[in-house]
C-alpha cells in the first residue's frame, strides 16, 4: 500500500451478478451502485491480491444468496445465470479507508468498551459505521473506498453448490466503492472467459 500524500492504493475485487447485469456493466464500463449495504450505498467487491480463486468463490456464493426467493435480486433479468466480474480499484490514499487496520480496530473496541455497547455483530457494525462517519466529519471529506470485513454469504438450507467450503469462513475482506467514487473502478472484465 502507498504512503505518500498523493499516492494511490491499488485494490482488486470480484463481484457476482447475473449475466444480464454483467453484460450491461461490461457494455457501459460502469457499475450501478446499490442504495444500501453493510457500509452504505456503493458497489461491493470481494477483495483479492494476486489470486482471484477465493474472491471468485465468494462472488459465486453472493450471487447464489441474491438469487434466492428471499432476496430475488435478479427479478426481471433475461439471463439470471451467474457471471463473476473482476475490477481494479485505484484510490488516492486520501480517499481510501481501511476499517481492518489495527488502529481503527483498536478505536472500535475501545469505543465499544467505553460506551458499553452490546457486543452483538449488528451493534458493532453500527458502531463501525458511526466511527467512520465521525472520522469523515473530522476531516470534512468522505472516503470513496472503504475496505472492511463482512459476513461471508452462506448456503441456503439444502443447497448443493460446487463451492460449499467458502461458507465455513465467517468473514472476508470486502471493498466498498461508494456512489460518489465510481470513477475509481477500472479494468472491468469477466472472470473465466
C-alpha atoms as a PDB file:
ATOM      1  CA  UNK A   1       0.000   0.000   0.000  1.00  0.00           C
ATOM      2  CA  UNK A   2       1.137   3.539  -0.715  1.00  0.00           C
ATOM      3  CA  UNK A   3       2.070   6.014   1.992  1.00  0.00           C
ATOM      4  CA  UNK A   4       2.801   9.326   0.272  1.00  0.00           C
ATOM      5  CA  UNK A   5       0.095  12.007   0.348  1.00  0.00           C
ATOM      6  CA  UNK A   6      -0.559  11.869  -3.406  1.00  0.00           C
ATOM      7  CA  UNK A   7      -0.040   8.121  -3.754  1.00  0.00           C
ATOM      8  CA  UNK A   8      -2.603   5.622  -4.965  1.00  0.00           C
ATOM      9  CA  UNK A   9      -3.873   2.457  -3.308  1.00  0.00           C
ATOM     10  CA  UNK A  10      -4.396  -0.355  -5.835  1.00  0.00           C
ATOM     11  CA  UNK A  11      -7.023  -2.969  -4.983  1.00  0.00           C
ATOM     12  CA  UNK A  12      -8.596  -5.902  -6.834  1.00  0.00           C
ATOM     13  CA  UNK A  13     -12.080  -7.245  -6.344  1.00  0.00           C
ATOM     14  CA  UNK A  14     -14.723  -9.605  -7.678  1.00  0.00           C
ATOM     15  CA  UNK A  15     -18.448  -9.020  -7.991  1.00  0.00           C
ATOM     16  CA  UNK A  16     -21.058 -11.750  -8.538  1.00  0.00           C
ATOM     17  CA  UNK A  17     -24.164 -10.864 -10.518  1.00  0.00           C
ATOM     18  CA  UNK A  18     -26.493 -12.086 -13.268  1.00  0.00           C
ATOM     19  CA  UNK A  19     -25.346 -12.434 -16.872  1.00  0.00           C
ATOM     20  CA  UNK A  20     -27.842  -9.733 -17.875  1.00  0.00           C
ATOM     21  CA  UNK A  21     -26.341  -7.251 -15.425  1.00  0.00           C
ATOM     22  CA  UNK A  22     -22.763  -8.256 -16.197  1.00  0.00           C
ATOM     23  CA  UNK A  23     -23.389  -7.592 -19.897  1.00  0.00           C
ATOM     24  CA  UNK A  24     -24.752  -4.135 -19.096  1.00  0.00           C
ATOM     25  CA  UNK A  25     -21.779  -3.371 -16.848  1.00  0.00           C
ATOM     26  CA  UNK A  26     -19.276  -4.505 -19.480  1.00  0.00           C
ATOM     27  CA  UNK A  27     -21.066  -2.577 -22.230  1.00  0.00           C
ATOM     28  CA  UNK A  28     -21.206   0.685 -20.256  1.00  0.00           C
ATOM     29  CA  UNK A  29     -17.904   0.051 -18.451  1.00  0.00           C
ATOM     30  CA  UNK A  30     -19.517   1.066 -15.180  1.00  0.00           C
ATOM     31  CA  UNK A  31     -21.332  -0.426 -12.235  1.00  0.00           C
ATOM     32  CA  UNK A  32     -24.605   0.782 -10.783  1.00  0.00           C
ATOM     33  CA  UNK A  33     -24.230   1.433  -7.051  1.00  0.00           C
ATOM     34  CA  UNK A  34     -26.622  -0.172  -4.595  1.00  0.00           C
ATOM     35  CA  UNK A  35     -28.657   2.122  -2.372  1.00  0.00           C
ATOM     36  CA  UNK A  36     -27.691   0.285   0.808  1.00  0.00           C
ATOM     37  CA  UNK A  37     -25.413  -2.332   2.298  1.00  0.00           C
ATOM     38  CA  UNK A  38     -23.347  -3.032   5.411  1.00  0.00           C
ATOM     39  CA  UNK A  39     -21.207   0.038   4.686  1.00  0.00           C
ATOM     40  CA  UNK A  40     -23.832   2.117   2.928  1.00  0.00           C
ATOM     41  CA  UNK A  41     -24.565   2.777  -0.722  1.00  0.00           C
ATOM     42  CA  UNK A  42     -21.995   1.691  -3.281  1.00  0.00           C
ATOM     43  CA  UNK A  43     -20.591  -1.253  -5.199  1.00  0.00           C
ATOM     44  CA  UNK A  44     -19.299  -4.187  -3.153  1.00  0.00           C
ATOM     45  CA  UNK A  45     -16.338  -6.287  -4.231  1.00  0.00           C
ATOM     46  CA  UNK A  46     -14.645  -9.306  -2.631  1.00  0.00           C
ATOM     47  CA  UNK A  47     -11.019  -8.328  -2.169  1.00  0.00           C
ATOM     48  CA  UNK A  48      -8.053 -10.267  -3.526  1.00  0.00           C
ATOM     49  CA  UNK A  49      -4.376  -9.531  -4.103  1.00  0.00           C
ATOM     50  CA  UNK A  50      -2.936 -11.839  -6.750  1.00  0.00           C
ATOM     51  CA  UNK A  51      -5.054 -14.982  -6.987  1.00  0.00           C
ATOM     52  CA  UNK A  52      -8.731 -14.481  -7.824  1.00  0.00           C
ATOM     53  CA  UNK A  53      -9.775 -18.011  -6.753  1.00  0.00           C
ATOM     54  CA  UNK A  54     -11.120 -17.301  -3.240  1.00  0.00           C
ATOM     55  CA  UNK A  55     -12.709 -13.961  -4.189  1.00  0.00           C
ATOM     56  CA  UNK A  56     -14.359 -15.673  -7.151  1.00  0.00           C
ATOM     57  CA  UNK A  57     -15.900 -18.285  -4.857  1.00  0.00           C
ATOM     58  CA  UNK A  58     -17.181 -15.521  -2.563  1.00  0.00           C
ATOM     59  CA  UNK A  59     -18.752 -13.757  -5.554  1.00  0.00           C
ATOM     60  CA  UNK A  60     -20.395 -17.018  -6.621  1.00  0.00           C
ATOM     61  CA  UNK A  61     -21.854 -17.529  -3.141  1.00  0.00           C
ATOM     62  CA  UNK A  62     -23.105 -13.943  -3.093  1.00  0.00           C
ATOM     63  CA  UNK A  63     -24.857 -14.482  -6.433  1.00  0.00           C
ATOM     64  CA  UNK A  64     -26.497 -17.667  -5.070  1.00  0.00           C
ATOM     65  CA  UNK A  65     -27.743 -15.824  -1.997  1.00  0.00           C
ATOM     66  CA  UNK A  66     -29.023 -12.833  -4.011  1.00  0.00           C
ATOM     67  CA  UNK A  67     -30.878 -15.186  -6.371  1.00  0.00           C
ATOM     68  CA  UNK A  68     -32.809 -16.941  -3.585  1.00  0.00           C
ATOM     69  CA  UNK A  69     -36.548 -16.264  -3.260  1.00  0.00           C
ATOM     70  CA  UNK A  70     -35.844 -14.314  -0.064  1.00  0.00           C
ATOM     71  CA  UNK A  71     -33.889 -11.641  -1.974  1.00  0.00           C
ATOM     72  CA  UNK A  72     -34.927 -12.241  -5.602  1.00  0.00           C
ATOM     73  CA  UNK A  73     -32.327  -9.678  -6.702  1.00  0.00           C
ATOM     74  CA  UNK A  74     -32.384 -10.666 -10.355  1.00  0.00           C
ATOM     75  CA  UNK A  75     -36.138 -10.479 -10.863  1.00  0.00           C
ATOM     76  CA  UNK A  76     -36.823  -9.326 -14.399  1.00  0.00           C
ATOM     77  CA  UNK A  77     -33.331 -10.131 -15.720  1.00  0.00           C
ATOM     78  CA  UNK A  78     -33.436 -12.016 -19.035  1.00  0.00           C
ATOM     79  CA  UNK A  79     -30.454 -14.196 -18.024  1.00  0.00           C
ATOM     80  CA  UNK A  80     -30.239 -14.780 -14.275  1.00  0.00           C
ATOM     81  CA  UNK A  81     -27.302 -17.195 -14.546  1.00  0.00           C
ATOM     82  CA  UNK A  82     -24.016 -16.483 -12.757  1.00  0.00           C
ATOM     83  CA  UNK A  83     -21.404 -14.059 -14.006  1.00  0.00           C
ATOM     84  CA  UNK A  84     -18.389 -13.019 -11.962  1.00  0.00           C
ATOM     85  CA  UNK A  85     -16.686  -9.764 -12.811  1.00  0.00           C
ATOM     86  CA  UNK A  86     -13.355  -8.545 -11.575  1.00  0.00           C
ATOM     87  CA  UNK A  87     -12.092  -4.999 -11.470  1.00  0.00           C
ATOM     88  CA  UNK A  88      -9.254  -2.854 -10.251  1.00  0.00           C
ATOM     89  CA  UNK A  89      -9.912  -0.027  -7.852  1.00  0.00           C
ATOM     90  CA  UNK A  90      -7.428   2.837  -7.882  1.00  0.00           C
ATOM     91  CA  UNK A  91      -7.999   5.112  -4.903  1.00  0.00           C
ATOM     92  CA  UNK A  92      -5.929   8.128  -3.898  1.00  0.00           C
ATOM     93  CA  UNK A  93      -4.748   7.484  -0.332  1.00  0.00           C
ATOM     94  CA  UNK A  94      -6.854  10.376   0.988  1.00  0.00           C
ATOM     95  CA  UNK A  95      -9.991   8.699  -0.428  1.00  0.00           C
ATOM     96  CA  UNK A  96      -9.221   5.244   0.998  1.00  0.00           C
ATOM     97  CA  UNK A  97     -10.069   3.962   4.476  1.00  0.00           C
ATOM     98  CA  UNK A  98      -9.033   0.560   5.827  1.00  0.00           C
ATOM     99  CA  UNK A  99     -11.550  -0.398   8.523  1.00  0.00           C
ATOM    100  CA  UNK A 100      -9.490  -3.552   9.115  1.00  0.00           C
ATOM    101  CA  UNK A 101      -6.406  -1.592  10.177  1.00  0.00           C
ATOM    102  CA  UNK A 102      -5.035  -2.175  13.656  1.00  0.00           C
ATOM    103  CA  UNK A 103      -5.555   1.480  14.575  1.00  0.00           C
ATOM    104  CA  UNK A 104      -9.204   1.506  13.589  1.00  0.00           C
ATOM    105  CA  UNK A 105      -9.941  -1.852  15.228  1.00  0.00           C
ATOM    106  CA  UNK A 106      -8.349  -0.556  18.447  1.00  0.00           C
ATOM    107  CA  UNK A 107     -10.564   2.553  18.258  1.00  0.00           C
ATOM    108  CA  UNK A 108     -13.631   0.395  17.599  1.00  0.00           C
ATOM    109  CA  UNK A 109     -13.045  -1.886  20.597  1.00  0.00           C
ATOM    110  CA  UNK A 110     -12.037   0.954  22.939  1.00  0.00           C
ATOM    111  CA  UNK A 111     -15.151   2.923  21.979  1.00  0.00           C
ATOM    112  CA  UNK A 112     -17.392  -0.130  22.400  1.00  0.00           C
ATOM    113  CA  UNK A 113     -15.911  -0.801  25.836  1.00  0.00           C
ATOM    114  CA  UNK A 114     -16.170   2.838  26.915  1.00  0.00           C
ATOM    115  CA  UNK A 115     -19.797   3.125  25.795  1.00  0.00           C
ATOM    116  CA  UNK A 116     -20.618  -0.407  26.929  1.00  0.00           C
ATOM    117  CA  UNK A 117     -22.034  -1.228  23.503  1.00  0.00           C
ATOM    118  CA  UNK A 118     -23.693  -4.620  23.248  1.00  0.00           C
ATOM    119  CA  UNK A 119     -21.180  -6.997  21.696  1.00  0.00           C
ATOM    120  CA  UNK A 120     -23.597  -8.294  19.073  1.00  0.00           C
ATOM    121  CA  UNK A 121     -22.480  -8.259  15.450  1.00  0.00           C
ATOM    122  CA  UNK A 122     -25.168  -5.744  14.465  1.00  0.00           C
ATOM    123  CA  UNK A 123     -24.299  -3.310  17.262  1.00  0.00           C
ATOM    124  CA  UNK A 124     -20.584  -3.461  16.474  1.00  0.00           C
ATOM    125  CA  UNK A 125     -21.244  -2.930  12.748  1.00  0.00           C
ATOM    126  CA  UNK A 126     -23.416   0.094  13.546  1.00  0.00           C
ATOM    127  CA  UNK A 127     -20.641   1.463  15.753  1.00  0.00           C
ATOM    128  CA  UNK A 128     -18.107   0.827  12.968  1.00  0.00           C
ATOM    129  CA  UNK A 129     -20.188   2.876  10.518  1.00  0.00           C
ATOM    130  CA  UNK A 130     -20.700   5.601  13.104  1.00  0.00           C
ATOM    131  CA  UNK A 131     -16.955   5.881  13.758  1.00  0.00           C
ATOM    132  CA  UNK A 132     -16.138   6.017  10.038  1.00  0.00           C
ATOM    133  CA  UNK A 133     -18.692   8.807   9.682  1.00  0.00           C
ATOM    134  CA  UNK A 134     -17.163  10.649  12.661  1.00  0.00           C
ATOM    135  CA  UNK A 135     -13.692  10.385  11.110  1.00  0.00           C
ATOM    136  CA  UNK A 136     -15.087  11.698   7.826  1.00  0.00           C
ATOM    137  CA  UNK A 137     -16.742  14.617   9.648  1.00  0.00           C
ATOM    138  CA  UNK A 138     -13.453  15.479  11.382  1.00  0.00           C
ATOM    139  CA  UNK A 139     -11.621  15.571   8.067  1.00  0.00           C
ATOM    140  CA  UNK A 140     -14.582  17.274   6.294  1.00  0.00           C
ATOM    141  CA  UNK A 141     -14.455  14.775   3.427  1.00  0.00           C
ATOM    142  CA  UNK A 142     -15.955  11.393   2.567  1.00  0.00           C
ATOM    143  CA  UNK A 143     -13.887   8.359   1.742  1.00  0.00           C
ATOM    144  CA  UNK A 144     -14.551   6.946  -1.709  1.00  0.00           C
ATOM    145  CA  UNK A 145     -13.292   3.439  -0.964  1.00  0.00           C
ATOM    146  CA  UNK A 146     -13.602   1.511   2.291  1.00  0.00           C
ATOM    147  CA  UNK A 147     -12.089  -1.894   2.968  1.00  0.00           C
ATOM    148  CA  UNK A 148     -13.710  -3.920   5.740  1.00  0.00           C
ATOM    149  CA  UNK A 149     -14.533  -7.466   6.718  1.00  0.00           C
ATOM    150  CA  UNK A 150     -18.126  -8.577   6.128  1.00  0.00           C
ATOM    151  CA  UNK A 151     -20.057 -11.797   6.612  1.00  0.00           C
ATOM    152  CA  UNK A 152     -19.376 -14.495   4.057  1.00  0.00           C
ATOM    153  CA  UNK A 153     -22.535 -15.404   2.155  1.00  0.00           C
ATOM    154  CA  UNK A 154     -23.589 -18.829   3.312  1.00  0.00           C
ATOM    155  CA  UNK A 155     -25.557 -21.607   1.765  1.00  0.00           C
ATOM    156  CA  UNK A 156     -29.302 -21.810   1.884  1.00  0.00           C
ATOM    157  CA  UNK A 157     -30.789 -24.873   3.555  1.00  0.00           C
ATOM    158  CA  UNK A 158     -30.475 -27.988   1.406  1.00  0.00           C
ATOM    159  CA  UNK A 159     -28.494 -26.213  -1.307  1.00  0.00           C
ATOM    160  CA  UNK A 160     -25.790 -28.103  -3.137  1.00  0.00           C
ATOM    161  CA  UNK A 161     -23.034 -25.995  -4.624  1.00  0.00           C
ATOM    162  CA  UNK A 162     -19.638 -26.543  -6.213  1.00  0.00           C
ATOM    163  CA  UNK A 163     -18.109 -24.093  -3.675  1.00  0.00           C
ATOM    164  CA  UNK A 164     -19.502 -25.026  -0.238  1.00  0.00           C
ATOM    165  CA  UNK A 165     -16.211 -24.581   1.590  1.00  0.00           C
ATOM    166  CA  UNK A 166     -16.300 -20.794   1.387  1.00  0.00           C
ATOM    167  CA  UNK A 167     -19.310 -20.759   3.710  1.00  0.00           C
ATOM    168  CA  UNK A 168     -17.224 -22.299   6.505  1.00  0.00           C
ATOM    169  CA  UNK A 169     -15.469 -18.997   6.918  1.00  0.00           C
ATOM    170  CA  UNK A 170     -17.333 -16.365   8.861  1.00  0.00           C
ATOM    171  CA  UNK A 171     -15.922 -13.112   7.434  1.00  0.00           C
ATOM    172  CA  UNK A 172     -13.837 -11.987   4.474  1.00  0.00           C
ATOM    173  CA  UNK A 173     -12.377  -8.697   3.217  1.00  0.00           C
ATOM    174  CA  UNK A 174     -14.679  -6.594   1.100  1.00  0.00           C
ATOM    175  CA  UNK A 175     -14.082  -3.365  -0.792  1.00  0.00           C
ATOM    176  CA  UNK A 176     -16.891  -0.825  -0.968  1.00  0.00           C
ATOM    177  CA  UNK A 177     -16.676   1.819  -3.664  1.00  0.00           C
ATOM    178  CA  UNK A 178     -19.149   4.484  -2.692  1.00  0.00           C
ATOM    179  CA  UNK A 179     -21.540   6.180  -5.111  1.00  0.00           C
ATOM    180  CA  UNK A 180     -19.533   9.397  -5.378  1.00  0.00           C
ATOM    181  CA  UNK A 181     -16.332   7.497  -6.252  1.00  0.00           C
ATOM    182  CA  UNK A 182     -17.496   5.158  -9.019  1.00  0.00           C
ATOM    183  CA  UNK A 183     -14.828   6.538 -11.357  1.00  0.00           C
ATOM    184  CA  UNK A 184     -12.183   4.773  -9.252  1.00  0.00           C
ATOM    185  CA  UNK A 185     -13.288   1.391 -10.677  1.00  0.00           C
ATOM    186  CA  UNK A 186     -11.096   0.374 -13.619  1.00  0.00           C
ATOM    187  CA  UNK A 187     -10.433  -2.565 -15.954  1.00  0.00           C
ATOM    188  CA  UNK A 188     -13.726  -4.421 -15.549  1.00  0.00           C
ATOM    189  CA  UNK A 189     -13.695  -7.904 -17.063  1.00  0.00           C
ATOM    190  CA  UNK A 190     -15.491 -11.213 -16.844  1.00  0.00           C
ATOM    191  CA  UNK A 191     -13.724 -13.888 -14.804  1.00  0.00           C
ATOM    192  CA  UNK A 192     -13.135 -17.217 -16.511  1.00  0.00           C
ATOM    193  CA  UNK A 193     -13.878 -16.141 -20.065  1.00  0.00           C
END
